[in-house]
C-alpha atoms as a PDB file:
ATOM      1  CA  MET A   1     -55.203 -36.520 -26.820  1.00  0.00           C
ATOM      2  CA  GLU A   2     -54.485 -37.621 -30.379  1.00  0.00           C
ATOM      3  CA  VAL A   3     -52.841 -40.842 -29.194  1.00  0.00           C
ATOM      4  CA  PHE A   4     -55.947 -41.465 -27.049  1.00  0.00           C
ATOM      5  CA  LEU A   5     -58.322 -40.888 -30.037  1.00  0.00           C
ATOM      6  CA  ARG A   6     -56.237 -43.279 -32.181  1.00  0.00           C
ATOM      7  CA  LEU A   7     -56.425 -45.939 -29.420  1.00  0.00           C
ATOM      8  CA  MET A   8     -60.193 -45.535 -29.392  1.00  0.00           C
ATOM      9  CA  GLY A   9     -60.190 -46.143 -33.243  1.00  0.00           C
ATOM     10  CA  ALA A  10     -60.402 -42.737 -34.571  1.00  0.00           C
ATOM     11  CA  ASP A  11     -59.082 -42.360 -38.177  1.00  0.00           C
ATOM     12  CA  ASP A  12     -57.027 -39.446 -39.493  1.00  0.00           C
ATOM     13  CA  ASP A  13     -60.143 -37.644 -40.771  1.00  0.00           C
ATOM     14  CA  SER A  14     -61.979 -37.866 -37.509  1.00  0.00           C
ATOM     15  CA  ILE A  15     -58.932 -36.596 -35.626  1.00  0.00           C
ATOM     16  CA  ALA A  16     -58.573 -33.722 -38.011  1.00  0.00           C
ATOM     17  CA  GLN A  17     -62.207 -32.800 -37.613  1.00  0.00           C
ATOM     18  CA  THR A  18     -61.856 -33.069 -33.796  1.00  0.00           C
ATOM     19  CA  ARG A  19     -58.708 -30.870 -33.910  1.00  0.00           C
ATOM     20  CA  SER A  20     -60.578 -28.171 -35.790  1.00  0.00           C
ATOM     21  CA  SER A  21     -63.692 -28.273 -33.675  1.00  0.00           C
ATOM     22  CA  PRO A  22     -64.407 -25.874 -30.823  1.00  0.00           C
ATOM     23  CA  MET A  23     -64.082 -28.716 -28.302  1.00  0.00           C
ATOM     24  CA  TRP A  24     -60.476 -29.397 -29.016  1.00  0.00           C
ATOM     25  CA  PRO A  25     -59.047 -26.839 -26.515  1.00  0.00           C
ATOM     26  CA  ALA A  26     -61.164 -28.443 -23.745  1.00  0.00           C
ATOM     27  CA  LEU A  27     -60.006 -31.956 -24.714  1.00  0.00           C
ATOM     28  CA  GLU A  28     -56.322 -30.764 -24.557  1.00  0.00           C
ATOM     29  CA  ALA A  29     -56.948 -29.184 -21.254  1.00  0.00           C
ATOM     30  CA  ALA A  30     -58.265 -32.573 -19.941  1.00  0.00           C
ATOM     31  CA  GLU A  31     -55.589 -34.762 -21.607  1.00  0.00           C
ATOM     32  CA  HIS A  32     -53.440 -34.898 -18.399  1.00  0.00           C
ATOM     33  CA  THR A  33     -56.183 -36.991 -16.905  1.00  0.00           C
ATOM     34  CA  LEU A  34     -55.713 -39.734 -19.587  1.00  0.00           C
ATOM     35  CA  VAL A  35     -52.916 -41.322 -17.639  1.00  0.00           C
ATOM     36  CA  TYR A  36     -55.483 -42.034 -14.859  1.00  0.00           C
ATOM     37  CA  ASP A  37     -57.943 -43.490 -17.437  1.00  0.00           C
ATOM     38  CA  ALA A  38     -55.098 -45.675 -18.817  1.00  0.00           C
ATOM     39  CA  ALA A  39     -54.388 -46.932 -15.207  1.00  0.00           C
ATOM     40  CA  ALA A  40     -58.018 -47.601 -14.633  1.00  0.00           C
ATOM     41  CA  MET A  41     -58.581 -49.367 -17.982  1.00  0.00           C
ATOM     42  CA  GLY A  42     -55.558 -51.757 -17.500  1.00  0.00           C
ATOM     43  CA  THR A  43     -55.453 -53.840 -20.669  1.00  0.00           C
ATOM     44  CA  GLY A  44     -58.498 -52.086 -21.993  1.00  0.00           C
ATOM     45  CA  GLN A  45     -60.481 -55.346 -22.013  1.00  0.00           C
ATOM     46  CA  PRO A  46     -63.491 -55.793 -19.798  1.00  0.00           C
ATOM     47  CA  PRO A  47     -62.667 -57.885 -16.636  1.00  0.00           C
ATOM     48  CA  VAL A  48     -64.719 -60.852 -17.757  1.00  0.00           C
ATOM     49  CA  ASP A  49     -63.809 -63.027 -14.842  1.00  0.00           C
ATOM     50  CA  ARG A  50     -65.345 -60.460 -12.412  1.00  0.00           C
ATOM     51  CA  LEU A  51     -68.200 -59.639 -14.629  1.00  0.00           C
ATOM     52  CA  GLY A  52     -69.292 -63.129 -14.838  1.00  0.00           C
ATOM     53  CA  ARG A  53     -70.091 -63.124 -11.138  1.00  0.00           C
ATOM     54  CA  ILE A  54     -72.764 -60.423 -11.582  1.00  0.00           C
ATOM     55  CA  LYS A  55     -76.170 -62.151 -10.950  1.00  0.00           C
ATOM     56  CA  VAL A  56     -78.537 -59.210 -11.454  1.00  0.00           C
ATOM     57  CA  PRO A  57     -80.133 -58.092 -14.649  1.00  0.00           C
ATOM     58  CA  THR A  58     -77.730 -55.849 -16.494  1.00  0.00           C
ATOM     59  CA  LEU A  59     -78.144 -53.333 -19.276  1.00  0.00           C
ATOM     60  CA  VAL A  60     -75.282 -52.404 -21.466  1.00  0.00           C
ATOM     61  CA  ILE A  61     -75.985 -49.281 -23.506  1.00  0.00           C
ATOM     62  CA  THR A  62     -73.884 -47.939 -26.490  1.00  0.00           C
ATOM     63  CA  GLY A  63     -74.622 -45.158 -28.805  1.00  0.00           C
ATOM     64  CA  ALA A  64     -75.568 -45.655 -32.546  1.00  0.00           C
ATOM     65  CA  PRO A  65     -74.480 -42.455 -34.246  1.00  0.00           C
ATOM     66  CA  ASP A  66     -76.290 -41.285 -37.306  1.00  0.00           C
ATOM     67  CA  ARG A  67     -73.371 -39.277 -38.892  1.00  0.00           C
ATOM     68  CA  GLU A  68     -70.490 -41.132 -40.592  1.00  0.00           C
ATOM     69  CA  HIS A  69     -67.766 -39.181 -38.829  1.00  0.00           C
ATOM     70  CA  ASP A  70     -69.251 -40.025 -35.539  1.00  0.00           C
ATOM     71  CA  LEU A  71     -68.888 -43.673 -36.147  1.00  0.00           C
ATOM     72  CA  ALA A  72     -65.062 -43.541 -35.864  1.00  0.00           C
ATOM     73  CA  GLY A  73     -64.029 -45.268 -32.771  1.00  0.00           C
ATOM     74  CA  THR A  74     -67.399 -46.868 -32.038  1.00  0.00           C
ATOM     75  CA  GLU A  75     -66.006 -50.409 -32.665  1.00  0.00           C
ATOM     76  CA  PHE A  76     -63.977 -50.200 -29.489  1.00  0.00           C
ATOM     77  CA  PHE A  77     -67.079 -49.562 -27.517  1.00  0.00           C
ATOM     78  CA  GLU A  78     -69.216 -52.132 -29.403  1.00  0.00           C
ATOM     79  CA  ALA A  79     -66.523 -54.837 -28.813  1.00  0.00           C
ATOM     80  CA  SER A  80     -66.403 -53.902 -25.129  1.00  0.00           C
ATOM     81  CA  ALA A  81     -70.262 -54.170 -24.865  1.00  0.00           C
ATOM     82  CA  ARG A  82     -70.295 -57.587 -26.618  1.00  0.00           C
ATOM     83  CA  ALA A  83     -67.654 -58.817 -24.207  1.00  0.00           C
ATOM     84  CA  ILE A  84     -69.600 -57.609 -21.253  1.00  0.00           C
ATOM     85  CA  VAL A  85     -72.863 -59.051 -22.503  1.00  0.00           C
ATOM     86  CA  GLU A  86     -71.149 -62.352 -23.079  1.00  0.00           C
ATOM     87  CA  ALA A  87     -69.619 -62.400 -19.616  1.00  0.00           C
ATOM     88  CA  ILE A  88     -72.641 -61.371 -17.515  1.00  0.00           C
ATOM     89  CA  PRO A  89     -75.329 -64.159 -17.656  1.00  0.00           C
ATOM     90  CA  SER A  90     -78.283 -61.764 -17.375  1.00  0.00           C
ATOM     91  CA  ALA A  91     -76.983 -58.875 -19.595  1.00  0.00           C
ATOM     92  CA  GLU A  92     -78.578 -57.394 -22.505  1.00  0.00           C
ATOM     93  CA  HIS A  93     -77.254 -54.800 -24.973  1.00  0.00           C
ATOM     94  CA  THR A  94     -79.137 -51.817 -26.333  1.00  0.00           C
ATOM     95  CA  ARG A  95     -77.937 -49.266 -28.827  1.00  0.00           C
ATOM     96  CA  LEU A  96     -79.424 -45.705 -28.675  1.00  0.00           C
ATOM     97  CA  PRO A  97     -80.105 -44.480 -32.198  1.00  0.00           C
ATOM     98  CA  GLY A  98     -78.627 -41.103 -33.031  1.00  0.00           C
ATOM     99  CA  GLN A  99     -76.570 -40.965 -29.833  1.00  0.00           C
ATOM    100  CA  THR A 100     -72.914 -40.511 -29.216  1.00  0.00           C
ATOM    101  CA  HIS A 101     -70.930 -39.925 -26.105  1.00  0.00           C
ATOM    102  CA  GLU A 102     -73.029 -36.949 -25.132  1.00  0.00           C
ATOM    103  CA  VAL A 103     -76.324 -38.968 -24.843  1.00  0.00           C
ATOM    104  CA  ASP A 104     -79.605 -36.999 -24.773  1.00  0.00           C
ATOM    105  CA  PRO A 105     -81.445 -37.711 -21.531  1.00  0.00           C
ATOM    106  CA  HIS A 106     -84.647 -37.859 -23.467  1.00  0.00           C
ATOM    107  CA  ALA A 107     -83.340 -40.767 -25.582  1.00  0.00           C
ATOM    108  CA  LEU A 108     -81.954 -42.486 -22.518  1.00  0.00           C
ATOM    109  CA  SER A 109     -84.921 -42.085 -20.266  1.00  0.00           C
ATOM    110  CA  PRO A 110     -87.424 -44.508 -21.939  1.00  0.00           C
ATOM    111  CA  ILE A 111     -84.789 -47.181 -22.339  1.00  0.00           C
ATOM    112  CA  LEU A 112     -84.009 -47.078 -18.678  1.00  0.00           C
ATOM    113  CA  THR A 113     -87.642 -46.954 -17.668  1.00  0.00           C
ATOM    114  CA  ALA A 114     -88.396 -50.028 -19.758  1.00  0.00           C
ATOM    115  CA  PHE A 115     -85.448 -51.850 -18.345  1.00  0.00           C
ATOM    116  CA  TYR A 116     -86.306 -51.129 -14.733  1.00  0.00           C
ATOM    117  CA  LYS A 117     -89.997 -51.923 -15.224  1.00  0.00           C
ATOM    118  CA  GLY A 118     -89.153 -55.173 -17.037  1.00  0.00           C
END
């Protein structure tokens, strides 16, 4: 799990905080699934050649955490979002203020509603 967190860009402080958090045992319990994540991710880069064939409007959403320690590792996701938006002709990128991996549906709902009504 620590290796995974480092690959996602987490620094020593973030990893230490995660290790001492109540969620660490659950993360360790799921770490055996990371091999499947790695296989699915391949190189870790978005498949821009395939993405470029998408012709429908596409919304790429990332979180925009408020707390400093939640920012660790977000550059991986931001870089992926940028690559996806650059590859899909009709894509746009939206950041959800105050949201991390566990997005609040109340924060997500108006963004999706606006996109689908657009």
